Amino acid sequence: MLEMICVALAVYFEARGESLEGQRAVASVVWNRRNDERWPNHTCEVVAQKGQFESWPLIKAEFPRLYGAEYLDLPPNESMKTALAHASYTAETPTTPALFFAQAGLLNYKELEIIGNHVFYTTHD
């Protein structure tokens, strides 16, 4: 369950204003990295990697509430509930093979698609 929460927090802070498709694509990036040998094998470690997710300081601020018996006590708002649903959905069914996302023009990788305000990328190999 903690892995789902880490993905949900990434979706919440990185893409809560995006479309359903955009939120699921952000969640897919986290799961894709977790399943790729080049990244850590736990979503919390993927999201916490230095320089990878701009929202990490905000996500980190939520972690103390997530430990212990209270870790299921998510913020009671619709955006977080939606983010958790996308995290769960994409765990088994990634919606994109992307390994990165950013605003247009920020990364020098193979562009896969543009969804909302994010461009989704993969490596050149």
N, C-alpha and C. Protein backbone atom coordinates (compact mmCIF):
# COMPACT_ATOMS: atom_id res chain seq x y z
N MET A 1 0.81 -1.20 0.00
CA MET A 1 0.00 0.00 0.00
C MET A 1 0.86 1.27 0.00
N LEU A 2 2.01 1.22 0.68
CA LEU A 2 2.87 2.40 0.71
C LEU A 2 3.34 2.79 -0.69
N GLU A 3 3.60 1.78 -1.54
CA GLU A 3 4.02 2.11 -2.91
C GLU A 3 2.92 2.88 -3.64
N MET A 4 1.67 2.48 -3.44
CA MET A 4 0.55 3.19 -4.08
C MET A 4 0.48 4.62 -3.59
N ILE A 5 0.69 4.81 -2.30
CA ILE A 5 0.62 6.15 -1.73
C ILE A 5 1.73 7.03 -2.30
N CYS A 6 2.93 6.49 -2.46
CA CYS A 6 4.02 7.28 -3.04
C CYS A 6 3.71 7.71 -4.47
N VAL A 7 3.15 6.80 -5.26
CA VAL A 7 2.75 7.15 -6.62
C VAL A 7 1.63 8.19 -6.59
N ALA A 8 0.67 7.98 -5.71
CA ALA A 8 -0.46 8.92 -5.61
C ALA A 8 0.03 10.32 -5.24
N LEU A 9 0.97 10.40 -4.32
CA LEU A 9 1.51 11.72 -3.94
C LEU A 9 2.23 12.38 -5.11
N ALA A 10 2.95 11.59 -5.89
CA ALA A 10 3.61 12.15 -7.08
C ALA A 10 2.56 12.68 -8.07
N VAL A 11 1.51 11.91 -8.29
CA VAL A 11 0.44 12.35 -9.20
C VAL A 11 -0.22 13.61 -8.64
N TYR A 12 -0.52 13.58 -7.35
CA TYR A 12 -1.20 14.71 -6.71
C TYR A 12 -0.40 16.01 -6.88
N PHE A 13 0.89 15.95 -6.57
CA PHE A 13 1.68 17.17 -6.61
C PHE A 13 2.19 17.53 -7.99
N GLU A 14 2.33 16.57 -8.89
CA GLU A 14 2.86 16.85 -10.24
C GLU A 14 1.75 17.11 -11.26
N ALA A 15 0.56 16.52 -11.05
CA ALA A 15 -0.41 16.54 -12.15
C ALA A 15 -1.87 16.65 -11.72
N ARG A 16 -2.16 17.07 -10.52
CA ARG A 16 -3.56 17.07 -10.09
C ARG A 16 -4.46 17.96 -10.93
N GLY A 17 -3.90 18.96 -11.61
CA GLY A 17 -4.69 19.82 -12.48
C GLY A 17 -4.78 19.33 -13.92
N GLU A 18 -4.17 18.19 -14.18
CA GLU A 18 -4.16 17.63 -15.54
C GLU A 18 -5.38 16.72 -15.76
N SER A 19 -5.55 16.33 -17.00
CA SER A 19 -6.64 15.43 -17.36
C SER A 19 -6.42 14.03 -16.78
N LEU A 20 -7.44 13.20 -16.85
CA LEU A 20 -7.33 11.80 -16.43
C LEU A 20 -6.16 11.13 -17.14
N GLU A 21 -6.05 11.34 -18.43
CA GLU A 21 -4.96 10.76 -19.22
C GLU A 21 -3.60 11.25 -18.73
N GLY A 22 -3.49 12.53 -18.44
CA GLY A 22 -2.23 13.09 -17.97
C GLY A 22 -1.83 12.58 -16.60
N GLN A 23 -2.80 12.45 -15.71
CA GLN A 23 -2.51 11.94 -14.37
C GLN A 23 -2.08 10.48 -14.43
N ARG A 24 -2.75 9.70 -15.26
CA ARG A 24 -2.36 8.29 -15.39
C ARG A 24 -0.99 8.15 -16.04
N ALA A 25 -0.65 9.04 -16.95
CA ALA A 25 0.67 8.98 -17.58
C ALA A 25 1.77 9.29 -16.57
N VAL A 26 1.54 10.26 -15.68
CA VAL A 26 2.53 10.57 -14.64
C VAL A 26 2.69 9.35 -13.71
N ALA A 27 1.59 8.74 -13.31
CA ALA A 27 1.67 7.53 -12.48
C ALA A 27 2.42 6.43 -13.22
N SER A 28 2.18 6.29 -14.50
CA SER A 28 2.86 5.26 -15.29
C SER A 28 4.37 5.47 -15.30
N VAL A 29 4.81 6.73 -15.37
CA VAL A 29 6.26 7.00 -15.36
C VAL A 29 6.88 6.45 -14.08
N VAL A 30 6.23 6.67 -12.95
CA VAL A 30 6.78 6.17 -11.69
C VAL A 30 6.83 4.65 -11.69
N TRP A 31 5.75 3.99 -12.10
CA TRP A 31 5.73 2.52 -12.15
C TRP A 31 6.74 1.98 -13.16
N ASN A 32 6.84 2.64 -14.32
CA ASN A 32 7.79 2.19 -15.34
C ASN A 32 9.22 2.25 -14.81
N ARG A 33 9.54 3.30 -14.10
CA ARG A 33 10.88 3.40 -13.52
C ARG A 33 11.09 2.33 -12.46
N ARG A 34 10.12 2.11 -11.62
CA ARG A 34 10.22 1.09 -10.58
C ARG A 34 10.47 -0.29 -11.19
N ASN A 35 9.93 -0.53 -12.37
CA ASN A 35 10.07 -1.82 -13.03
C ASN A 35 11.28 -1.90 -13.96
N ASP A 36 12.05 -0.83 -14.05
CA ASP A 36 13.23 -0.77 -14.91
C ASP A 36 14.47 -0.90 -14.03
N GLU A 37 15.40 -1.75 -14.41
CA GLU A 37 16.58 -2.02 -13.57
C GLU A 37 17.48 -0.80 -13.36
N ARG A 38 17.30 0.25 -14.15
CA ARG A 38 18.13 1.46 -13.99
C ARG A 38 17.69 2.33 -12.81
N TRP A 39 16.53 2.06 -12.25
CA TRP A 39 16.00 2.84 -11.13
C TRP A 39 15.76 1.93 -9.93
N PRO A 40 15.53 2.53 -8.76
CA PRO A 40 15.24 1.73 -7.57
C PRO A 40 13.98 0.87 -7.77
N ASN A 41 13.85 -0.19 -7.00
CA ASN A 41 12.72 -1.10 -7.18
C ASN A 41 11.58 -0.83 -6.20
N HIS A 42 11.49 0.38 -5.69
CA HIS A 42 10.36 0.78 -4.84
C HIS A 42 9.94 2.18 -5.28
N THR A 43 8.63 2.40 -5.43
CA THR A 43 8.15 3.68 -5.93
C THR A 43 8.55 4.86 -5.05
N CYS A 44 8.61 4.65 -3.75
CA CYS A 44 9.01 5.76 -2.86
C CYS A 44 10.45 6.18 -3.14
N GLU A 45 11.31 5.21 -3.42
CA GLU A 45 12.71 5.53 -3.74
C GLU A 45 12.81 6.19 -5.11
N VAL A 46 11.97 5.78 -6.05
CA VAL A 46 11.95 6.40 -7.37
C VAL A 46 11.57 7.88 -7.24
N VAL A 47 10.50 8.15 -6.53
CA VAL A 47 10.02 9.52 -6.38
C VAL A 47 11.01 10.38 -5.59
N ALA A 48 11.74 9.77 -4.67
CA ALA A 48 12.67 10.51 -3.82
C ALA A 48 14.03 10.75 -4.45
N GLN A 49 14.29 10.19 -5.62
CA GLN A 49 15.61 10.38 -6.23
C GLN A 49 15.88 11.86 -6.49
N LYS A 50 17.06 12.28 -6.11
CA LYS A 50 17.45 13.68 -6.23
C LYS A 50 17.33 14.17 -7.67
N GLY A 51 16.67 15.31 -7.83
CA GLY A 51 16.57 15.95 -9.13
C GLY A 51 15.58 15.32 -10.11
N GLN A 52 14.78 14.38 -9.66
CA GLN A 52 13.89 13.70 -10.58
C GLN A 52 12.45 14.21 -10.54
N PHE A 53 11.93 14.52 -9.38
CA PHE A 53 10.56 15.01 -9.26
C PHE A 53 10.59 16.35 -8.54
N GLU A 54 10.14 17.40 -9.22
CA GLU A 54 10.14 18.74 -8.63
C GLU A 54 9.33 18.78 -7.35
N SER A 55 8.33 17.92 -7.25
CA SER A 55 7.43 17.96 -6.11
C SER A 55 7.99 17.24 -4.89
N TRP A 56 9.19 16.67 -4.96
CA TRP A 56 9.71 15.89 -3.83
C TRP A 56 9.67 16.64 -2.51
N PRO A 57 10.03 17.93 -2.42
CA PRO A 57 9.92 18.60 -1.12
C PRO A 57 8.50 18.58 -0.56
N LEU A 58 7.50 18.74 -1.41
CA LEU A 58 6.11 18.68 -0.95
C LEU A 58 5.72 17.27 -0.56
N ILE A 59 6.15 16.29 -1.35
CA ILE A 59 5.85 14.89 -1.04
C ILE A 59 6.50 14.52 0.29
N LYS A 60 7.75 14.93 0.46
CA LYS A 60 8.48 14.61 1.69
C LYS A 60 7.76 15.17 2.91
N ALA A 61 7.15 16.32 2.76
CA ALA A 61 6.43 16.94 3.87
C ALA A 61 5.22 16.09 4.29
N GLU A 62 4.66 15.32 3.36
CA GLU A 62 3.51 14.48 3.68
C GLU A 62 3.92 13.16 4.32
N PHE A 63 5.17 12.73 4.17
CA PHE A 63 5.58 11.42 4.65
C PHE A 63 5.40 11.20 6.15
N PRO A 64 5.70 12.17 7.01
CA PRO A 64 5.52 11.90 8.44
C PRO A 64 4.10 11.43 8.78
N ARG A 65 3.11 11.96 8.12
CA ARG A 65 1.73 11.55 8.37
C ARG A 65 1.46 10.14 7.85
N LEU A 66 2.30 9.67 6.93
CA LEU A 66 2.03 8.39 6.28
C LEU A 66 2.63 7.20 7.01
N TYR A 67 3.49 7.45 7.97
CA TYR A 67 4.10 6.34 8.70
C TYR A 67 3.25 5.90 9.86
N GLY A 68 3.44 4.67 10.30
CA GLY A 68 2.71 4.14 11.44
C GLY A 68 1.27 3.85 11.11
N ALA A 69 0.44 3.77 12.13
CA ALA A 69 -0.96 3.40 11.95
C ALA A 69 -1.74 4.43 11.15
N GLU A 70 -1.24 5.65 11.08
CA GLU A 70 -1.96 6.71 10.38
C GLU A 70 -1.67 6.77 8.88
N TYR A 71 -0.85 5.86 8.36
CA TYR A 71 -0.41 6.05 6.97
C TYR A 71 -1.53 5.93 5.95
N LEU A 72 -2.67 5.38 6.32
CA LEU A 72 -3.80 5.33 5.39
C LEU A 72 -4.67 6.58 5.46
N ASP A 73 -4.37 7.48 6.36
CA ASP A 73 -5.15 8.69 6.55
C ASP A 73 -4.74 9.74 5.52
N LEU A 74 -5.18 9.55 4.29
CA LEU A 74 -4.81 10.48 3.21
C LEU A 74 -5.61 11.77 3.32
N PRO A 75 -5.11 12.84 2.74
CA PRO A 75 -5.88 14.09 2.76
C PRO A 75 -7.29 13.85 2.22
N PRO A 76 -8.30 14.29 2.93
CA PRO A 76 -9.69 14.00 2.52
C PRO A 76 -10.19 14.94 1.44
N ASN A 77 -9.54 14.91 0.29
CA ASN A 77 -10.04 15.73 -0.81
C ASN A 77 -10.11 14.88 -2.08
N GLU A 78 -10.90 15.32 -3.00
CA GLU A 78 -11.14 14.55 -4.23
C GLU A 78 -9.90 14.39 -5.08
N SER A 79 -9.03 15.40 -5.11
CA SER A 79 -7.82 15.31 -5.92
C SER A 79 -6.92 14.17 -5.45
N MET A 80 -6.78 14.00 -4.14
CA MET A 80 -5.94 12.92 -3.62
C MET A 80 -6.60 11.56 -3.84
N LYS A 81 -7.91 11.48 -3.68
CA LYS A 81 -8.62 10.23 -3.94
C LYS A 81 -8.45 9.83 -5.41
N THR A 82 -8.54 10.81 -6.30
CA THR A 82 -8.35 10.55 -7.72
C THR A 82 -6.93 10.09 -8.00
N ALA A 83 -5.94 10.75 -7.39
CA ALA A 83 -4.54 10.37 -7.59
C ALA A 83 -4.29 8.94 -7.13
N LEU A 84 -4.88 8.54 -6.01
CA LEU A 84 -4.71 7.18 -5.52
C LEU A 84 -5.34 6.18 -6.48
N ALA A 85 -6.47 6.52 -7.06
CA ALA A 85 -7.12 5.64 -8.04
C ALA A 85 -6.22 5.47 -9.28
N HIS A 86 -5.59 6.55 -9.74
CA HIS A 86 -4.70 6.46 -10.90
C HIS A 86 -3.46 5.65 -10.58
N ALA A 87 -2.94 5.81 -9.37
CA ALA A 87 -1.77 5.03 -8.95
C ALA A 87 -2.09 3.55 -8.98
N SER A 88 -3.24 3.20 -8.49
CA SER A 88 -3.66 1.80 -8.44
C SER A 88 -3.91 1.26 -9.85
N TYR A 89 -4.60 2.02 -10.67
CA TYR A 89 -4.92 1.59 -12.04
C TYR A 89 -3.66 1.33 -12.86
N THR A 90 -2.71 2.25 -12.78
CA THR A 90 -1.52 2.14 -13.63
C THR A 90 -0.49 1.14 -13.10
N ALA A 91 -0.65 0.67 -11.87
CA ALA A 91 0.27 -0.34 -11.33
C ALA A 91 0.26 -1.58 -12.20
N GLU A 92 -0.90 -1.96 -12.68
CA GLU A 92 -1.04 -3.15 -13.51
C GLU A 92 -1.13 -2.83 -15.00
N THR A 93 -1.55 -1.62 -15.32
CA THR A 93 -1.79 -1.25 -16.71
C THR A 93 -1.20 0.12 -17.03
N PRO A 94 0.13 0.23 -17.19
CA PRO A 94 0.70 1.54 -17.54
C PRO A 94 0.07 2.06 -18.83
N THR A 95 -0.17 3.35 -18.86
CA THR A 95 -0.82 3.94 -20.03
C THR A 95 0.18 4.50 -21.03
N THR A 96 1.46 4.49 -20.67
CA THR A 96 2.52 4.96 -21.56
C THR A 96 3.81 4.22 -21.20
N PRO A 97 4.71 4.03 -22.17
CA PRO A 97 6.01 3.44 -21.85
C PRO A 97 7.03 4.48 -21.37
N ALA A 98 6.59 5.72 -21.19
CA ALA A 98 7.50 6.82 -20.84
C ALA A 98 8.24 6.57 -19.53
N LEU A 99 9.47 7.09 -19.48
CA LEU A 99 10.30 7.03 -18.28
C LEU A 99 10.54 8.43 -17.70
N PHE A 100 10.13 9.46 -18.44
CA PHE A 100 10.33 10.84 -18.02
C PHE A 100 9.13 11.68 -18.44
N PHE A 101 8.93 12.79 -17.75
CA PHE A 101 7.99 13.80 -18.22
C PHE A 101 8.51 15.16 -17.78
N ALA A 102 8.17 16.18 -18.53
CA ALA A 102 8.61 17.54 -18.23
C ALA A 102 7.78 18.51 -19.05
N GLN A 103 8.04 19.77 -18.85
CA GLN A 103 7.44 20.76 -19.72
C GLN A 103 8.15 20.70 -21.06
N ALA A 104 7.50 21.14 -22.10
CA ALA A 104 8.05 21.06 -23.46
C ALA A 104 9.45 21.67 -23.54
N GLY A 105 10.35 20.96 -24.24
CA GLY A 105 11.68 21.45 -24.52
C GLY A 105 12.71 21.30 -23.41
N LEU A 106 12.35 20.68 -22.30
CA LEU A 106 13.29 20.60 -21.18
C LEU A 106 14.19 19.38 -21.20
N LEU A 107 13.82 18.34 -21.89
CA LEU A 107 14.63 17.12 -21.88
C LEU A 107 15.10 16.75 -23.27
N ASN A 108 16.26 16.14 -23.35
CA ASN A 108 16.82 15.71 -24.62
C ASN A 108 16.70 14.19 -24.76
N TYR A 109 15.48 13.71 -24.74
CA TYR A 109 15.20 12.29 -24.89
C TYR A 109 14.21 12.11 -26.04
N LYS A 110 13.87 10.89 -26.33
CA LYS A 110 12.93 10.59 -27.40
C LYS A 110 11.51 10.93 -26.94
N GLU A 111 10.90 11.92 -27.59
CA GLU A 111 9.55 12.34 -27.24
C GLU A 111 8.54 11.29 -27.69
N LEU A 112 7.63 10.93 -26.78
CA LEU A 112 6.60 9.95 -27.09
C LEU A 112 5.25 10.61 -27.35
N GLU A 113 4.87 11.54 -26.48
CA GLU A 113 3.56 12.18 -26.61
C GLU A 113 3.49 13.41 -25.72
N ILE A 114 2.54 14.27 -26.05
CA ILE A 114 2.26 15.45 -25.24
C ILE A 114 0.86 15.26 -24.68
N ILE A 115 0.74 15.39 -23.36
CA ILE A 115 -0.56 15.29 -22.71
C ILE A 115 -0.66 16.49 -21.77
N GLY A 116 -1.58 17.38 -22.05
CA GLY A 116 -1.73 18.57 -21.23
C GLY A 116 -0.47 19.40 -21.23
N ASN A 117 0.03 19.72 -20.04
CA ASN A 117 1.22 20.55 -19.90
C ASN A 117 2.52 19.76 -19.83
N HIS A 118 2.45 18.44 -20.01
CA HIS A 118 3.65 17.61 -19.92
C HIS A 118 3.97 16.93 -21.25
N VAL A 119 5.26 16.79 -21.49
CA VAL A 119 5.73 16.00 -22.62
C VAL A 119 6.32 14.74 -21.99
N PHE A 120 5.99 13.59 -22.56
CA PHE A 120 6.44 12.31 -22.04
C PHE A 120 7.51 11.76 -22.95
N TYR A 121 8.58 11.24 -22.33
CA TYR A 121 9.78 10.83 -23.05
C TYR A 121 10.22 9.42 -22.64
N THR A 122 11.07 8.85 -23.49
CA THR A 122 11.80 7.64 -23.14
C THR A 122 13.25 7.85 -23.55
N THR A 123 14.11 6.91 -23.20
CA THR A 123 15.52 7.02 -23.59
C THR A 123 15.64 6.72 -25.08
N HIS A 124 16.77 7.00 -25.66
CA HIS A 124 16.98 6.80 -27.09
C HIS A 124 17.24 5.37 -27.46
N ASP A 125 17.50 4.47 -26.50
CA ASP A 125 17.81 3.08 -26.85
C ASP A 125 16.58 2.26 -27.14
